[in-house]
Amino acid sequence: MTFVAYSDSAEKVLPELSSTERRAVDQVLAQLRIDPRLGERRPGYDPQAEDYVVRLGEEATAGRSVSVIYRYHPGMRAALVTWLVVGP
């Protein structure tokens, strides 16, 4: 089981999400707890961590598209959602 948390920047976006968008993001977080290597791997600067992005389209959120950007640290078995990007 992986520990998953929001950064301060990601938490600030949460109130801006509709209920369906929030539900879709919550589903991604639940999946991250089980499989922390979801989405597309992005280049990162920390050799001990892995950066990923999960893109949720309008069909998944019933609203705007949302990108969940997070960093996974295998040694700590933890993922930090660094950004939630809302929009096209």
C-alpha atoms as a PDB file:
ATOM      1  CA  MET A   1       0.000   0.000   0.000  1.00  0.00           C
ATOM      2  CA  THR A   2       1.320   3.410  -0.983  1.00  0.00           C
ATOM      3  CA  PHE A   3       0.840   6.579   1.067  1.00  0.00           C
ATOM      4  CA  VAL A   4      -0.693   9.339  -1.102  1.00  0.00           C
ATOM      5  CA  ALA A   5      -0.940  13.037  -0.178  1.00  0.00           C
ATOM      6  CA  TYR A   6      -1.665  16.399  -1.792  1.00  0.00           C
ATOM      7  CA  SER A   7       0.837  19.236  -1.921  1.00  0.00           C
ATOM      8  CA  ASP A   8      -0.328  22.667  -0.773  1.00  0.00           C
ATOM      9  CA  SER A   9      -0.611  23.739  -4.421  1.00  0.00           C
ATOM     10  CA  ALA A  10      -2.836  20.787  -5.306  1.00  0.00           C
ATOM     11  CA  GLU A  11      -5.032  21.278  -2.225  1.00  0.00           C
ATOM     12  CA  LYS A  12      -5.770  24.859  -3.285  1.00  0.00           C
ATOM     13  CA  VAL A  13      -7.357  23.593  -6.516  1.00  0.00           C
ATOM     14  CA  LEU A  14      -9.692  21.070  -4.845  1.00  0.00           C
ATOM     15  CA  PRO A  15     -12.450  23.594  -3.983  1.00  0.00           C
ATOM     16  CA  GLU A  16     -12.554  24.657  -7.648  1.00  0.00           C
ATOM     17  CA  LEU A  17     -13.492  21.134  -8.817  1.00  0.00           C
ATOM     18  CA  SER A  18     -17.073  20.098  -9.402  1.00  0.00           C
ATOM     19  CA  SER A  19     -18.345  17.032  -7.561  1.00  0.00           C
ATOM     20  CA  THR A  20     -17.846  14.775 -10.611  1.00  0.00           C
ATOM     21  CA  GLU A  21     -14.355  16.140 -11.241  1.00  0.00           C
ATOM     22  CA  ARG A  22     -13.473  15.595  -7.576  1.00  0.00           C
ATOM     23  CA  ARG A  23     -14.831  12.040  -7.702  1.00  0.00           C
ATOM     24  CA  ALA A  24     -12.651  11.272 -10.749  1.00  0.00           C
ATOM     25  CA  VAL A  25      -9.554  12.654  -8.974  1.00  0.00           C
ATOM     26  CA  ASP A  26     -10.406  10.649  -5.844  1.00  0.00           C
ATOM     27  CA  GLN A  27     -10.583   7.492  -7.982  1.00  0.00           C
ATOM     28  CA  VAL A  28      -7.085   8.196  -9.303  1.00  0.00           C
ATOM     29  CA  LEU A  29      -5.810   8.596  -5.743  1.00  0.00           C
ATOM     30  CA  ALA A  30      -7.417   5.303  -4.726  1.00  0.00           C
ATOM     31  CA  GLN A  31      -5.705   3.595  -7.670  1.00  0.00           C
ATOM     32  CA  LEU A  32      -2.367   5.198  -6.734  1.00  0.00           C
ATOM     33  CA  ARG A  33      -2.548   3.575  -3.308  1.00  0.00           C
ATOM     34  CA  ILE A  34      -2.588   0.175  -5.045  1.00  0.00           C
ATOM     35  CA  ASP A  35      -0.484   0.873  -8.162  1.00  0.00           C
ATOM     36  CA  PRO A  36       1.634   4.033  -7.804  1.00  0.00           C
ATOM     37  CA  ARG A  37       2.904   3.968 -11.389  1.00  0.00           C
ATOM     38  CA  LEU A  38      -0.155   5.174 -13.287  1.00  0.00           C
ATOM     39  CA  GLY A  39      -0.246   7.373 -16.313  1.00  0.00           C
ATOM     40  CA  GLU A  40       2.585   8.716 -18.395  1.00  0.00           C
ATOM     41  CA  ARG A  41       6.073   8.917 -16.945  1.00  0.00           C
ATOM     42  CA  ARG A  42       7.644  12.365 -17.124  1.00  0.00           C
ATOM     43  CA  PRO A  43      11.308  13.266 -16.930  1.00  0.00           C
ATOM     44  CA  GLY A  44      12.280  14.403 -13.453  1.00  0.00           C
ATOM     45  CA  TYR A  45      15.292  15.858 -11.734  1.00  0.00           C
ATOM     46  CA  ASP A  46      15.382  13.584  -8.671  1.00  0.00           C
ATOM     47  CA  PRO A  47      17.016  10.217  -9.458  1.00  0.00           C
ATOM     48  CA  GLN A  48      15.304   8.617  -6.433  1.00  0.00           C
ATOM     49  CA  ALA A  49      11.779   9.670  -7.460  1.00  0.00           C
ATOM     50  CA  GLU A  50       9.553   9.125 -10.482  1.00  0.00           C
ATOM     51  CA  ASP A  51       7.261  11.789 -11.939  1.00  0.00           C
ATOM     52  CA  TYR A  52       3.958  10.898 -13.628  1.00  0.00           C
ATOM     53  CA  VAL A  53       0.872  12.549 -15.106  1.00  0.00           C
ATOM     54  CA  VAL A  54      -2.601  11.037 -15.306  1.00  0.00           C
ATOM     55  CA  ARG A  55      -4.868  12.875 -17.727  1.00  0.00           C
ATOM     56  CA  LEU A  56      -8.602  12.660 -17.111  1.00  0.00           C
ATOM     57  CA  GLY A  57     -10.630  13.695 -20.123  1.00  0.00           C
ATOM     58  CA  GLU A  58     -14.020  15.344 -20.101  1.00  0.00           C
ATOM     59  CA  GLU A  59     -15.693  11.940 -20.429  1.00  0.00           C
ATOM     60  CA  ALA A  60     -14.110  10.802 -17.130  1.00  0.00           C
ATOM     61  CA  THR A  61     -14.918  13.979 -15.207  1.00  0.00           C
ATOM     62  CA  ALA A  62     -18.283  14.890 -16.796  1.00  0.00           C
ATOM     63  CA  GLY A  63     -16.872  18.402 -16.937  1.00  0.00           C
ATOM     64  CA  ARG A  64     -13.461  19.871 -17.644  1.00  0.00           C
ATOM     65  CA  SER A  65     -10.360  17.795 -18.249  1.00  0.00           C
ATOM     66  CA  VAL A  66      -8.084  17.395 -15.216  1.00  0.00           C
ATOM     67  CA  SER A  67      -4.428  16.360 -15.110  1.00  0.00           C
ATOM     68  CA  VAL A  68      -3.119  14.786 -11.905  1.00  0.00           C
ATOM     69  CA  ILE A  69       0.646  15.340 -11.705  1.00  0.00           C
ATOM     70  CA  TYR A  70       2.461  13.440  -8.997  1.00  0.00           C
ATOM     71  CA  ARG A  71       5.849  12.242  -7.801  1.00  0.00           C
ATOM     72  CA  TYR A  72       6.375   8.698  -6.553  1.00  0.00           C
ATOM     73  CA  HIS A  73       9.262   7.782  -4.270  1.00  0.00           C
ATOM     74  CA  PRO A  74       9.701   3.973  -4.333  1.00  0.00           C
ATOM     75  CA  GLY A  75      11.991   3.876  -1.298  1.00  0.00           C
ATOM     76  CA  MET A  76       9.426   5.679   0.831  1.00  0.00           C
ATOM     77  CA  ARG A  77       6.415   4.002  -0.830  1.00  0.00           C
ATOM     78  CA  ALA A  78       4.794   7.417  -1.050  1.00  0.00           C
ATOM     79  CA  ALA A  79       3.233   9.552  -3.779  1.00  0.00           C
ATOM     80  CA  LEU A  80       2.780  13.316  -3.616  1.00  0.00           C
ATOM     81  CA  VAL A  81       0.231  14.957  -5.903  1.00  0.00           C
ATOM     82  CA  THR A  82       2.143  18.096  -6.781  1.00  0.00           C
ATOM     83  CA  TRP A  83      -0.350  19.714  -9.177  1.00  0.00           C
ATOM     84  CA  LEU A  84      -3.935  19.442 -10.326  1.00  0.00           C
ATOM     85  CA  VAL A  85      -4.256  21.170 -13.689  1.00  0.00           C
ATOM     86  CA  VAL A  86      -7.816  21.922 -14.780  1.00  0.00           C
ATOM     87  CA  GLY A  87      -8.750  22.768 -18.338  1.00  0.00           C
ATOM     88  CA  PRO A  88      -7.907  21.886 -21.895  1.00  0.00           C
END
